[in-house]
Amino acid sequence: MSKQLRLVMAIIIMIGFVLNGIYILKISNTITGQVIGWSNIIFFPSFLVWTFIKYMTNKKVNHN
């Protein structure tokens, strides 16, 4: 599997976690549900930003 395809799959999974966090916030009225929802919304976008920065800074140049 190529790096670009793995990156796209990882981004889709992380967006799914963010949407899951939004869903949990909407259906939950407990403190635990609020913590889980907000942690999904805050934690996984930080991974998205980190992944994007790592991908952009680690591009290898072929000199063939």
PDB file of N, CA and C in Angstrom:
ATOM      1  N   MET A   1       0.846  -1.166   0.000  1.00  0.00           N
ATOM      2  CA  MET A   1       0.000   0.000   0.000  1.00  0.00           C
ATOM      3  C   MET A   1       0.901   1.242   0.000  1.00  0.00           C
ATOM      4  N   SER A   2       0.585   2.203  -0.849  1.00  0.00           N
ATOM      5  CA  SER A   2       1.437   3.381  -0.958  1.00  0.00           C
ATOM      6  C   SER A   2       1.253   4.319   0.231  1.00  0.00           C
ATOM      7  N   LYS A   3       2.218   5.220   0.394  1.00  0.00           N
ATOM      8  CA  LYS A   3       2.166   6.155   1.520  1.00  0.00           C
ATOM      9  C   LYS A   3       0.966   7.085   1.413  1.00  0.00           C
ATOM     10  N   GLN A   4       0.671   7.538   0.197  1.00  0.00           N
ATOM     11  CA  GLN A   4      -0.453   8.451   0.023  1.00  0.00           C
ATOM     12  C   GLN A   4      -1.767   7.779   0.386  1.00  0.00           C
ATOM     13  N   LEU A   5      -1.933   6.523   0.014  1.00  0.00           N
ATOM     14  CA  LEU A   5      -3.163   5.802   0.327  1.00  0.00           C
ATOM     15  C   LEU A   5      -3.295   5.577   1.827  1.00  0.00           C
ATOM     16  N   ARG A   6      -2.199   5.237   2.484  1.00  0.00           N
ATOM     17  CA  ARG A   6      -2.235   5.078   3.938  1.00  0.00           C
ATOM     18  C   ARG A   6      -2.554   6.396   4.633  1.00  0.00           C
ATOM     19  N   LEU A   7      -2.015   7.496   4.104  1.00  0.00           N
ATOM     20  CA  LEU A   7      -2.301   8.808   4.674  1.00  0.00           C
ATOM     21  C   LEU A   7      -3.776   9.147   4.537  1.00  0.00           C
ATOM     22  N   VAL A   8      -4.348   8.886   3.374  1.00  0.00           N
ATOM     23  CA  VAL A   8      -5.768   9.164   3.150  1.00  0.00           C
ATOM     24  C   VAL A   8      -6.629   8.302   4.064  1.00  0.00           C
ATOM     25  N   MET A   9      -6.282   7.034   4.211  1.00  0.00           N
ATOM     26  CA  MET A   9      -7.052   6.156   5.098  1.00  0.00           C
ATOM     27  C   MET A   9      -6.972   6.629   6.544  1.00  0.00           C
ATOM     28  N   ALA A  10      -5.789   7.059   6.974  1.00  0.00           N
ATOM     29  CA  ALA A  10      -5.633   7.556   8.346  1.00  0.00           C
ATOM     30  C   ALA A  10      -6.452   8.816   8.572  1.00  0.00           C
ATOM     31  N   ILE A  11      -6.468   9.705   7.590  1.00  0.00           N
ATOM     32  CA  ILE A  11      -7.253  10.936   7.712  1.00  0.00           C
ATOM     33  C   ILE A  11      -8.736  10.621   7.779  1.00  0.00           C
ATOM     34  N   ILE A  12      -9.199   9.683   6.974  1.00  0.00           N
ATOM     35  CA  ILE A  12     -10.616   9.301   7.001  1.00  0.00           C
ATOM     36  C   ILE A  12     -10.989   8.708   8.356  1.00  0.00           C
ATOM     37  N   ILE A  13     -10.126   7.870   8.903  1.00  0.00           N
ATOM     38  CA  ILE A  13     -10.398   7.276  10.217  1.00  0.00           C
ATOM     39  C   ILE A  13     -10.440   8.357  11.296  1.00  0.00           C
ATOM     40  N   MET A  14      -9.505   9.302  11.237  1.00  0.00           N
ATOM     41  CA  MET A  14      -9.490  10.371  12.239  1.00  0.00           C
ATOM     42  C   MET A  14     -10.712  11.272  12.128  1.00  0.00           C
ATOM     43  N   ILE A  15     -11.152  11.554  10.908  1.00  0.00           N
ATOM     44  CA  ILE A  15     -12.376  12.338  10.728  1.00  0.00           C
ATOM     45  C   ILE A  15     -13.563  11.570  11.292  1.00  0.00           C
ATOM     46  N   GLY A  16     -13.554  10.255  11.133  1.00  0.00           N
ATOM     47  CA  GLY A  16     -14.605   9.432  11.734  1.00  0.00           C
ATOM     48  C   GLY A  16     -14.631   9.548  13.245  1.00  0.00           C
ATOM     49  N   PHE A  17     -13.453   9.587  13.878  1.00  0.00           N
ATOM     50  CA  PHE A  17     -13.407   9.763  15.332  1.00  0.00           C
ATOM     51  C   PHE A  17     -13.944  11.128  15.745  1.00  0.00           C
ATOM     52  N   VAL A  18     -13.643  12.162  14.963  1.00  0.00           N
ATOM     53  CA  VAL A  18     -14.156  13.500  15.273  1.00  0.00           C
ATOM     54  C   VAL A  18     -15.674  13.514  15.164  1.00  0.00           C
ATOM     55  N   LEU A  19     -16.203  12.923  14.097  1.00  0.00           N
ATOM     56  CA  LEU A  19     -17.659  12.853  13.943  1.00  0.00           C
ATOM     57  C   LEU A  19     -18.285  12.031  15.061  1.00  0.00           C
ATOM     58  N   ASN A  20     -17.596  10.982  15.486  1.00  0.00           N
ATOM     59  CA  ASN A  20     -18.071  10.189  16.616  1.00  0.00           C
ATOM     60  C   ASN A  20     -18.110  11.035  17.887  1.00  0.00           C
ATOM     61  N   GLY A  21     -17.108  11.873  18.087  1.00  0.00           N
ATOM     62  CA  GLY A  21     -17.105  12.764  19.245  1.00  0.00           C
ATOM     63  C   GLY A  21     -18.262  13.745  19.217  1.00  0.00           C
ATOM     64  N   ILE A  22     -18.570  14.284  18.043  1.00  0.00           N
ATOM     65  CA  ILE A  22     -19.714  15.194  17.907  1.00  0.00           C
ATOM     66  C   ILE A  22     -21.006  14.457  18.212  1.00  0.00           C
ATOM     67  N   TYR A  23     -21.120  13.230  17.711  1.00  0.00           N
ATOM     68  CA  TYR A  23     -22.315  12.422  17.976  1.00  0.00           C
ATOM     69  C   TYR A  23     -22.464  12.139  19.468  1.00  0.00           C
ATOM     70  N   ILE A  24     -21.358  11.789  20.120  1.00  0.00           N
ATOM     71  CA  ILE A  24     -21.403  11.507  21.562  1.00  0.00           C
ATOM     72  C   ILE A  24     -21.837  12.752  22.328  1.00  0.00           C
ATOM     73  N   LEU A  25     -21.336  13.917  21.933  1.00  0.00           N
ATOM     74  CA  LEU A  25     -21.735  15.155  22.606  1.00  0.00           C
ATOM     75  C   LEU A  25     -23.230  15.419  22.458  1.00  0.00           C
ATOM     76  N   LYS A  26     -23.771  15.097  21.287  1.00  0.00           N
ATOM     77  CA  LYS A  26     -25.189  15.370  21.050  1.00  0.00           C
ATOM     78  C   LYS A  26     -26.103  14.432  21.831  1.00  0.00           C
ATOM     79  N   ILE A  27     -25.691  13.175  22.006  1.00  0.00           N
ATOM     80  CA  ILE A  27     -26.595  12.219  22.655  1.00  0.00           C
ATOM     81  C   ILE A  27     -26.350  12.072  24.145  1.00  0.00           C
ATOM     82  N   SER A  28     -25.209  12.563  24.640  1.00  0.00           N
ATOM     83  CA  SER A  28     -24.851  12.313  26.033  1.00  0.00           C
ATOM     84  C   SER A  28     -25.117  13.533  26.902  1.00  0.00           C
ATOM     85  N   ASN A  29     -25.651  13.282  28.085  1.00  0.00           N
ATOM     86  CA  ASN A  29     -25.865  14.342  29.063  1.00  0.00           C
ATOM     87  C   ASN A  29     -25.019  14.142  30.310  1.00  0.00           C
ATOM     88  N   THR A  30     -24.123  13.172  30.292  1.00  0.00           N
ATOM     89  CA  THR A  30     -23.302  12.893  31.468  1.00  0.00           C
ATOM     90  C   THR A  30     -21.930  13.552  31.317  1.00  0.00           C
ATOM     91  N   ILE A  31     -21.258  13.696  32.434  1.00  0.00           N
ATOM     92  CA  ILE A  31     -19.903  14.263  32.428  1.00  0.00           C
ATOM     93  C   ILE A  31     -18.949  13.354  31.653  1.00  0.00           C
ATOM     94  N   THR A  32     -19.078  12.055  31.840  1.00  0.00           N
ATOM     95  CA  THR A  32     -18.212  11.107  31.135  1.00  0.00           C
ATOM     96  C   THR A  32     -18.395  11.218  29.629  1.00  0.00           C
ATOM     97  N   GLY A  33     -19.634  11.309  29.187  1.00  0.00           N
ATOM     98  CA  GLY A  33     -19.906  11.468  27.763  1.00  0.00           C
ATOM     99  C   GLY A  33     -19.343  12.764  27.212  1.00  0.00           C
ATOM    100  N   GLN A  34     -19.438  13.836  27.988  1.00  0.00           N
ATOM    101  CA  GLN A  34     -18.886  15.120  27.558  1.00  0.00           C
ATOM    102  C   GLN A  34     -17.362  15.045  27.429  1.00  0.00           C
ATOM    103  N   VAL A  35     -16.723  14.400  28.396  1.00  0.00           N
ATOM    104  CA  VAL A  35     -15.258  14.268  28.358  1.00  0.00           C
ATOM    105  C   VAL A  35     -14.831  13.440  27.152  1.00  0.00           C
ATOM    106  N   ILE A  36     -15.510  12.334  26.917  1.00  0.00           N
ATOM    107  CA  ILE A  36     -15.165  11.476  25.776  1.00  0.00           C
ATOM    108  C   ILE A  36     -15.398  12.213  24.466  1.00  0.00           C
ATOM    109  N   GLY A  37     -16.522  12.902  24.355  1.00  0.00           N
ATOM    110  CA  GLY A  37     -16.822  13.641  23.131  1.00  0.00           C
ATOM    111  C   GLY A  37     -15.802  14.729  22.845  1.00  0.00           C
ATOM    112  N   TRP A  38     -15.508  15.549  23.862  1.00  0.00           N
ATOM    113  CA  TRP A  38     -14.543  16.632  23.656  1.00  0.00           C
ATOM    114  C   TRP A  38     -13.136  16.103  23.419  1.00  0.00           C
ATOM    115  N   SER A  39     -12.776  15.003  24.053  1.00  0.00           N
ATOM    116  CA  SER A  39     -11.433  14.456  23.819  1.00  0.00           C
ATOM    117  C   SER A  39     -11.305  13.941  22.390  1.00  0.00           C
ATOM    118  N   ASN A  40     -12.367  13.339  21.852  1.00  0.00           N
ATOM    119  CA  ASN A  40     -12.332  12.919  20.448  1.00  0.00           C
ATOM    120  C   ASN A  40     -12.200  14.121  19.527  1.00  0.00           C
ATOM    121  N   ILE A  41     -12.913  15.187  19.839  1.00  0.00           N
ATOM    122  CA  ILE A  41     -12.896  16.365  18.973  1.00  0.00           C
ATOM    123  C   ILE A  41     -11.553  17.090  19.053  1.00  0.00           C
ATOM    124  N   ILE A  42     -10.924  17.127  20.204  1.00  0.00           N
ATOM    125  CA  ILE A  42      -9.667  17.866  20.368  1.00  0.00           C
ATOM    126  C   ILE A  42      -8.449  17.007  20.032  1.00  0.00           C
ATOM    127  N   PHE A  43      -8.436  15.763  20.457  1.00  0.00           N
ATOM    128  CA  PHE A  43      -7.254  14.916  20.343  1.00  0.00           C
ATOM    129  C   PHE A  43      -6.970  14.500  18.899  1.00  0.00           C
ATOM    130  N   PHE A  44      -7.983  14.068  18.169  1.00  0.00           N
ATOM    131  CA  PHE A  44      -7.737  13.532  16.834  1.00  0.00           C
ATOM    132  C   PHE A  44      -7.428  14.595  15.784  1.00  0.00           C
ATOM    133  N   PRO A  45      -8.008  15.808  15.831  1.00  0.00           N
ATOM    134  CA  PRO A  45      -7.534  16.831  14.891  1.00  0.00           C
ATOM    135  C   PRO A  45      -6.074  17.217  15.122  1.00  0.00           C
ATOM    136  N   SER A  46      -5.613  17.131  16.362  1.00  0.00           N
ATOM    137  CA  SER A  46      -4.188  17.400  16.589  1.00  0.00           C
ATOM    138  C   SER A  46      -3.337  16.342  15.896  1.00  0.00           C
ATOM    139  N   PHE A  47      -3.805  15.099  15.861  1.00  0.00           N
ATOM    140  CA  PHE A  47      -3.109  14.067  15.090  1.00  0.00           C
ATOM    141  C   PHE A  47      -3.151  14.374  13.597  1.00  0.00           C
ATOM    142  N   LEU A  48      -4.272  14.902  13.106  1.00  0.00           N
ATOM    143  CA  LEU A  48      -4.360  15.278  11.698  1.00  0.00           C
ATOM    144  C   LEU A  48      -3.317  16.335  11.354  1.00  0.00           C
ATOM    145  N   VAL A  49      -3.199  17.345  12.187  1.00  0.00           N
ATOM    146  CA  VAL A  49      -2.218  18.405  11.946  1.00  0.00           C
ATOM    147  C   VAL A  49      -0.805  17.840  12.009  1.00  0.00           C
ATOM    148  N   TRP A  50      -0.529  17.005  13.012  1.00  0.00           N
ATOM    149  CA  TRP A  50       0.795  16.413  13.147  1.00  0.00           C
ATOM    150  C   TRP A  50       1.129  15.535  11.937  1.00  0.00           C
ATOM    151  N   THR A  51       0.161  14.744  11.482  1.00  0.00           N
ATOM    152  CA  THR A  51       0.380  13.875  10.326  1.00  0.00           C
ATOM    153  C   THR A  51       0.669  14.692   9.079  1.00  0.00           C
ATOM    154  N   PHE A  52      -0.080  15.761   8.886  1.00  0.00           N
ATOM    155  CA  PHE A  52       0.128  16.610   7.716  1.00  0.00           C
ATOM    156  C   PHE A  52       1.515  17.250   7.755  1.00  0.00           C
ATOM    157  N   ILE A  53       1.912  17.768   8.909  1.00  0.00           N
ATOM    158  CA  ILE A  53       3.232  18.395   9.030  1.00  0.00           C
ATOM    159  C   ILE A  53       4.333  17.367   8.809  1.00  0.00           C
ATOM    160  N   LYS A  54       4.181  16.186   9.389  1.00  0.00           N
ATOM    161  CA  LYS A  54       5.186  15.132   9.213  1.00  0.00           C
ATOM    162  C   LYS A  54       5.269  14.701   7.751  1.00  0.00           C
ATOM    163  N   TYR A  55       4.127  14.579   7.084  1.00  0.00           N
ATOM    164  CA  TYR A  55       4.114  14.179   5.677  1.00  0.00           C
ATOM    165  C   TYR A  55       4.793  15.242   4.812  1.00  0.00           C
ATOM    166  N   MET A  56       4.520  16.508   5.088  1.00  0.00           N
ATOM    167  CA  MET A  56       5.076  17.576   4.269  1.00  0.00           C
ATOM    168  C   MET A  56       6.578  17.764   4.509  1.00  0.00           C
ATOM    169  N   THR A  57       7.058  17.497   5.706  1.00  0.00           N
ATOM    170  CA  THR A  57       8.479  17.706   5.986  1.00  0.00           C
ATOM    171  C   THR A  57       9.340  16.491   5.659  1.00  0.00           C
ATOM    172  N   ASN A  58       8.764  15.320   5.493  1.00  0.00           N
ATOM    173  CA  ASN A  58       9.547  14.111   5.230  1.00  0.00           C
ATOM    174  C   ASN A  58       9.480  13.655   3.782  1.00  0.00           C
ATOM    175  N   LYS A  59       9.191  14.563   2.864  1.00  0.00           N
ATOM    176  CA  LYS A  59       9.178  14.163   1.459  1.00  0.00           C
ATOM    177  C   LYS A  59      10.610  13.880   1.011  1.00  0.00           C
ATOM    178  N   LYS A  60      10.783  12.745   0.376  1.00  0.00           N
ATOM    179  CA  LYS A  60      12.103  12.371  -0.106  1.00  0.00           C
ATOM    180  C   LYS A  60      12.205  12.742  -1.578  1.00  0.00           C
ATOM    181  N   VAL A  61      13.359  13.251  -1.962  1.00  0.00           N
ATOM    182  CA  VAL A  61      13.589  13.659  -3.340  1.00  0.00           C
ATOM    183  C   VAL A  61      14.462  12.606  -4.008  1.00  0.00           C
ATOM    184  N   ASN A  62      14.009  12.102  -5.152  1.00  0.00           N
ATOM    185  CA  ASN A  62      14.795  11.130  -5.911  1.00  0.00           C
ATOM    186  C   ASN A  62      15.667  11.876  -6.912  1.00  0.00           C
ATOM    187  N   HIS A  63      16.947  11.596  -6.902  1.00  0.00           N
ATOM    188  CA  HIS A  63      17.885  12.235  -7.821  1.00  0.00           C
ATOM    189  C   HIS A  63      18.362  11.226  -8.856  1.00  0.00           C
ATOM    190  N   ASN A  64      17.456  10.549  -9.514  1.00  0.00           N
ATOM    191  CA  ASN A  64      17.830   9.539 -10.517  1.00  0.00           C
ATOM    192  C   ASN A  64      18.004  10.163 -11.862  1.00  0.00           C
TER     193      ASN A  64
END
